[in-house]
Protein backbone atom coordinates (compact mmCIF):
# COMPACT_ATOMS: atom_id res chain seq x y z
CA MET A 1 30.28 112.22 95.06
CA LYS A 2 27.07 111.25 92.86
CA ASN A 3 29.58 111.15 90.00
CA LYS A 4 32.14 108.90 91.63
CA VAL A 5 29.72 107.06 93.59
CA LEU A 6 28.03 106.87 89.75
CA PHE A 7 31.60 105.70 88.65
CA PHE A 8 32.68 103.17 91.04
CA LEU A 9 29.46 101.48 89.69
CA ILE A 10 30.16 101.15 86.60
CA VAL A 11 33.43 100.26 87.22
CA LEU A 12 31.51 96.74 89.39
CA TYR A 13 29.27 96.30 86.64
CA ALA A 14 32.16 96.37 84.03
CA VAL A 15 34.17 93.55 85.91
CA SER A 16 31.16 91.15 86.75
CA GLY A 17 31.65 88.62 84.87
CA MET A 18 31.24 87.32 80.53
CA TYR A 19 28.09 88.76 79.15
CA ALA A 20 25.61 85.51 78.48
CA LEU A 21 23.93 88.30 75.76
CA SER A 22 25.29 90.08 73.89
CA PRO A 23 25.74 94.31 74.58
CA GLU A 24 22.58 94.79 71.88
CA ASN A 25 20.77 91.83 73.16
CA GLU A 26 21.31 93.07 77.16
CA TYR A 27 20.70 95.91 76.30
CA ASP A 28 16.75 95.13 75.03
CA TYR A 29 16.26 93.34 77.87
CA LEU A 30 16.58 96.28 79.69
CA TYR A 31 15.16 98.62 78.27
CA THR A 32 12.18 96.38 78.65
CA ASP A 33 12.33 96.12 82.18
CA LEU A 34 12.59 100.33 82.13
CA MET A 35 9.36 100.45 80.15
CA ASN A 36 7.15 97.89 82.75
CA PHE A 37 8.78 99.49 85.54
CA TYR A 38 4.82 100.32 86.38
CA THR A 39 3.38 96.89 85.43
CA TYR A 40 1.77 95.45 88.58
CA GLY A 41 3.22 92.59 88.89
CA TYR A 42 6.19 92.42 86.22
CA LYS A 43 8.99 90.31 86.94
CA LYS A 44 12.54 92.12 85.91
CA THR A 45 15.29 90.58 83.37
CA PHE A 46 18.43 91.96 86.08
CA ASP A 47 19.71 90.07 88.13
CA GLU A 48 21.75 91.98 90.59
CA ARG A 49 23.96 88.22 91.61
CA ILE A 50 25.84 88.78 88.47
CA MET A 51 24.71 93.15 88.22
CA LYS A 52 22.95 92.43 84.67
CA SER A 53 20.36 90.73 82.99
CA ASN A 54 21.22 87.27 81.31
CA GLY A 55 17.11 87.53 79.87
CA LYS A 56 15.68 85.11 82.56
CA ILE A 57 13.24 86.16 83.76
CA ASN A 58 13.72 87.23 88.15
CA PHE A 59 10.94 86.06 89.96
CA ALA A 60 12.37 88.27 93.60
CA GLN A 61 9.01 89.33 94.81
CA GLY A 62 7.96 93.35 94.37
CA SER A 63 6.71 95.44 97.14
CA LEU A 64 2.91 95.37 98.01
CA THR A 65 0.78 97.90 97.47
CA VAL A 66 -2.90 99.39 99.58
CA THR A 67 -5.50 99.49 97.04
CA GLY A 68 -8.88 99.04 99.18
CA ASN A 69 -10.34 97.81 96.18
CA LYS A 70 -12.34 94.53 96.62
CA THR A 71 -11.57 93.09 93.77
CA ASP A 72 -7.49 93.78 93.39
CA ILE A 73 -5.32 91.12 93.87
CA ALA A 74 -1.55 90.51 94.73
CA ILE A 75 0.60 87.32 95.27
CA GLN A 76 3.12 86.98 98.48
CA GLY A 77 5.55 83.90 97.78
CA ASN A 78 5.91 82.25 94.38
CA GLY A 79 3.48 81.49 92.32
CA PHE A 80 0.77 82.62 89.05
CA PHE A 81 -2.81 82.25 88.43
CA LYS A 82 -4.59 80.89 85.37
CA VAL A 83 -5.85 83.34 82.48
CA LEU A 84 -7.63 82.96 79.31
CA ASP A 85 -7.89 84.81 75.82
CA SER A 86 -10.55 84.39 74.27
CA GLU A 87 -9.72 81.42 72.14
CA GLY A 88 -9.70 79.63 75.40
CA ASN A 89 -5.84 79.77 75.67
CA ASP A 90 -4.18 78.69 79.05
CA TYR A 91 -2.07 82.15 80.50
CA TYR A 92 -0.61 83.11 83.27
CA THR A 93 0.08 86.53 85.34
CA ARG A 94 0.66 88.15 88.67
CA CYS A 95 -1.19 91.11 87.40
CA GLY A 96 -4.33 90.94 89.98
CA ASN A 97 -6.05 94.90 88.81
CA ILE A 98 -8.81 92.16 88.27
CA LEU A 99 -11.84 94.23 86.55
CA TRP A 100 -15.46 92.62 84.48
CA ASN A 101 -16.43 93.51 81.16
CA THR A 102 -19.99 94.36 80.16
CA ASP A 103 -20.79 90.52 79.83
CA PHE A 104 -20.36 90.81 83.42
CA LYS A 105 -16.71 88.94 83.00
CA LEU A 106 -13.61 88.83 85.37
CA VAL A 107 -10.95 90.40 83.30
CA ILE A 108 -7.41 91.38 83.01
CA LYS A 109 -6.48 94.43 81.08
CA CYS A 110 -3.05 93.76 79.85
CA ALA A 111 -1.86 97.24 77.06
CA ASP A 112 -4.37 96.23 74.37
CA THR A 113 -5.25 92.89 74.86
CA ILE A 114 -7.90 91.51 77.56
CA TYR A 115 -7.93 87.99 79.24
CA TYR A 116 -10.36 86.09 81.10
CA LEU A 117 -10.43 84.62 84.83
CA PRO A 118 -11.35 80.58 84.80
CA ALA A 119 -14.68 82.21 86.79
CA GLU A 120 -18.63 82.40 86.17
CA PRO A 121 -19.86 85.21 85.12
CA LEU A 122 -21.52 87.63 87.52
CA PRO A 123 -25.19 87.44 88.56
CA ALA A 124 -26.24 90.33 86.28
CA ALA A 125 -28.11 91.67 90.06
CA PHE A 126 -25.03 91.36 91.67
CA THR A 127 -24.23 94.31 94.22
CA SER A 128 -20.55 93.39 95.64
CA ILE A 129 -17.23 91.23 94.76
CA GLU A 130 -14.17 90.11 96.61
CA ILE A 131 -11.98 88.41 96.08
CA LYS A 132 -10.02 86.06 99.67
CA ASN A 133 -7.74 85.54 100.76
CA ASP A 134 -7.84 82.03 99.78
CA GLY A 135 -8.60 83.18 96.41
CA TYR A 136 -13.02 82.03 96.29
CA ILE A 137 -14.33 85.37 94.35
CA VAL A 138 -17.90 86.10 96.37
CA CYS A 139 -20.00 88.07 95.19
CA GLU A 140 -23.63 89.40 96.24
CA TYR A 141 -26.54 89.85 94.51
CA PHE A 142 -30.17 89.95 94.23
CA GLU A 143 -32.30 86.92 94.06
CA SER A 144 -34.94 89.03 93.57
CA GLU A 145 -36.77 92.17 94.18
CA LYS A 146 -36.28 91.00 98.30
CA ILE A 147 -34.39 88.63 98.53
CA LYS A 148 -30.10 89.30 98.51
CA ASN A 149 -27.96 86.21 97.99
CA LYS A 150 -24.52 84.76 97.97
CA LYS A 151 -22.65 83.01 95.37
CA THR A 152 -18.67 81.53 94.57
CA ILE A 153 -18.43 81.87 91.55
CA GLY A 154 -15.08 80.78 90.69
CA ARG A 155 -11.82 80.66 92.60
CA ILE A 156 -7.88 81.71 91.95
CA ILE A 157 -5.75 78.93 92.23
CA LEU A 158 -1.86 79.34 92.22
CA TYR A 159 0.47 77.57 89.80
CA ASP A 160 4.79 77.75 90.04
CA ILE A 161 6.78 78.42 87.21
CA SER A 162 10.58 78.51 86.81
CA ASN A 163 12.31 79.98 83.10
CA ASN A 164 12.21 75.96 81.38
CA ASP A 165 8.69 76.48 81.77
CA VAL A 166 8.72 79.76 80.08
CA GLU A 167 7.57 79.54 76.37
CA TYR A 168 7.41 83.46 76.59
CA TYR A 169 6.80 86.43 78.73
CA ASP A 170 5.14 89.86 77.51
CA GLY A 171 6.13 91.41 80.77
CA TYR A 172 2.36 91.17 81.90
CA VAL A 173 1.51 87.30 80.64
CA ILE A 174 3.61 83.84 80.67
CA LYS A 175 2.58 81.46 78.10
CA ALA A 176 3.89 77.94 79.62
CA LYS A 177 5.25 75.56 77.65
CA THR A 178 4.92 72.79 80.31
CA LYS A 179 2.52 71.64 82.43
CA LEU A 180 2.47 73.32 86.00
CA THR A 181 2.56 72.71 89.15
CA GLU A 182 0.63 74.50 92.25
CA ASN A 183 1.61 76.13 94.16
CA THR A 184 0.20 76.08 97.71
CA GLN A 185 2.22 77.82 99.95
CA SER A 186 2.51 81.50 99.05
CA ALA A 187 -0.75 83.43 99.84
CA ILE A 188 -2.95 85.89 97.98
CA HIS A 189 -3.40 89.11 99.92
CA ASN A 190 -6.32 91.32 98.84
CA LYS A 191 -7.73 94.36 98.08
CA CYS A 192 -3.14 94.50 97.46
CA LEU A 193 -1.25 94.80 94.26
CA GLU A 194 2.21 94.04 93.26
CA LEU A 195 4.74 96.69 92.66
CA SER A 196 7.36 95.39 89.58
CA ASN A 197 10.04 94.22 90.88
CA VAL A 198 12.23 96.37 88.64
CA ARG A 199 14.41 98.74 90.41
CA LEU A 200 15.59 102.33 88.86
CA ASP A 201 18.75 103.22 89.33
CA ASP A 202 20.48 99.17 89.06
CA ILE A 203 19.16 98.90 84.96
CA LEU A 204 19.79 102.81 84.29
CA ILE A 205 23.87 102.01 85.89
CA ARG A 206 23.61 99.01 83.40
CA MET A 207 22.57 100.63 80.78
CA LEU A 208 25.10 103.97 80.81
CA PHE A 209 27.47 101.00 81.25
CA LEU A 210 26.20 98.58 77.46
CA ILE A 211 26.25 102.06 75.78
CA GLU A 212 29.84 102.57 75.80
CA LYS A 213 30.78 99.23 74.52
CA MET A 214 28.13 100.13 71.68
CA ASP A 215 29.01 101.27 69.16
CA ASP A 216 26.39 104.17 66.44
CA SER A 217 26.16 101.42 64.41
CA LEU A 218 24.69 99.22 67.21
CA ILE A 219 23.13 101.52 69.19
CA LYS A 220 21.73 105.24 67.95
CA GLY A 221 22.10 108.41 69.55
CA LYS A 222 25.04 107.54 72.41
CA LYS A 223 25.20 111.18 73.24
CA THR A 224 21.60 111.66 73.98
CA LYS A 225 21.44 107.97 75.71
CA LYS A 226 23.53 108.62 78.12
CA PHE A 227 22.73 112.23 79.32
CA LEU A 228 19.19 110.93 79.23
CA ILE A 229 20.24 107.77 82.08
CA GLU A 230 22.13 110.73 83.92
CA LYS A 231 19.24 112.59 84.05
CA LEU A 232 16.81 109.75 85.54
CA LEU A 233 19.84 109.11 87.76
CA ASP A 234 19.95 112.38 89.52
CA ILE A 235 18.82 111.99 92.90
CA ASP A 236 16.70 115.01 92.32
CA TYR A 237 14.93 114.08 89.53
CA ARG A 238 14.24 111.00 90.45
CA LYS A 239 12.10 112.67 93.92
CA SER A 240 10.35 114.54 91.53
CA ILE A 241 9.35 112.84 88.52
CA LEU A 242 9.61 108.73 89.56
CA ARG A 243 8.33 108.92 93.54
CA GLU A 244 6.38 105.91 93.73
CA THR A 245 3.08 107.69 95.12
CA PHE A 246 -0.23 105.98 94.63
CA SER A 247 -3.51 107.73 94.61
CA ALA A 248 -6.21 106.61 96.48
CA ASP A 249 -7.25 103.87 94.25
CA GLY A 250 -4.04 101.96 94.28
CA GLN A 251 -2.67 104.05 90.68
CA MET A 252 0.47 105.26 89.75
CA PRO A 253 -0.98 109.16 88.85
CA LEU A 254 -1.15 109.59 85.65
CA LEU A 255 1.13 112.77 85.41
CA HIS A 256 3.82 110.61 87.03
CA VAL A 257 3.62 107.56 83.97
CA SER A 258 3.22 109.82 81.63
CA ALA A 259 6.33 111.68 82.55
CA MET A 260 7.87 108.44 82.57
CA GLN A 261 6.96 106.73 79.48
CA ASP A 262 7.53 109.51 77.53
CA TYR A 263 10.91 110.14 79.02
CA LEU A 264 12.30 107.11 78.86
CA SER A 265 11.22 105.53 74.92
CA CYS A 266 13.33 107.67 73.48
CA LEU A 267 16.27 104.70 75.85
CA LYS A 268 14.81 102.84 72.75
CA ARG A 269 18.04 101.02 71.23
CA ASP A 270 17.08 102.45 67.98
CA TYR A 271 15.47 105.50 69.12
CA GLU A 272 17.21 108.63 67.58
């Protein structure tokens, strides 16, 4: 029964219209979607309306997971919040697991790059910090040995972004090529994180169809990649390896992340 359903879906994808991209370029976009399955706030390129990727960002909402961490935020609705690189350039993200560095500056770590929130550094004697649902960042600190005080050190503001605004997107942050408009309609939820909006089955089935369309000069190890995708689509395997379970702090268990990333790295188009 499973094989019949899989065959039906492949046929459906095959007749879903002409390519917006070449098969190899679309495969590469889908591979990026797949590798960002665990990236908080990631927006895929797969479009359910046409059942394939056209290389544009799909801004559909991802599911929210409660973490309880006072510096975690998730966005419900449209909008990205601003962060800065080390040179002060503006970027925009929905990756809401906010930390602080040794200089008491609020940061998000995106792969190997650190981005800074446009906020004051935390007082050295701070005792707690919380990001409110209205975006205000409030900390408590000792003003003296016995006097505790509260201070607002910044506010997270949401901005609307469309594909026409995007200069590039690396899965974590967007570099905008135009001036953005503030979004006042969407909501910030504290103590939560937004999961990626990637649906594995959609991506994998489309990749399986694309593999059939590419010859060996465009994709290496076709038989192996087909085997791996079929393995990932197996229900029992997904239940044991790809289940969306989280620890108390909202982080995906490291074992599952490692298993997933190692497995998927073999699906890169030029990987033998």
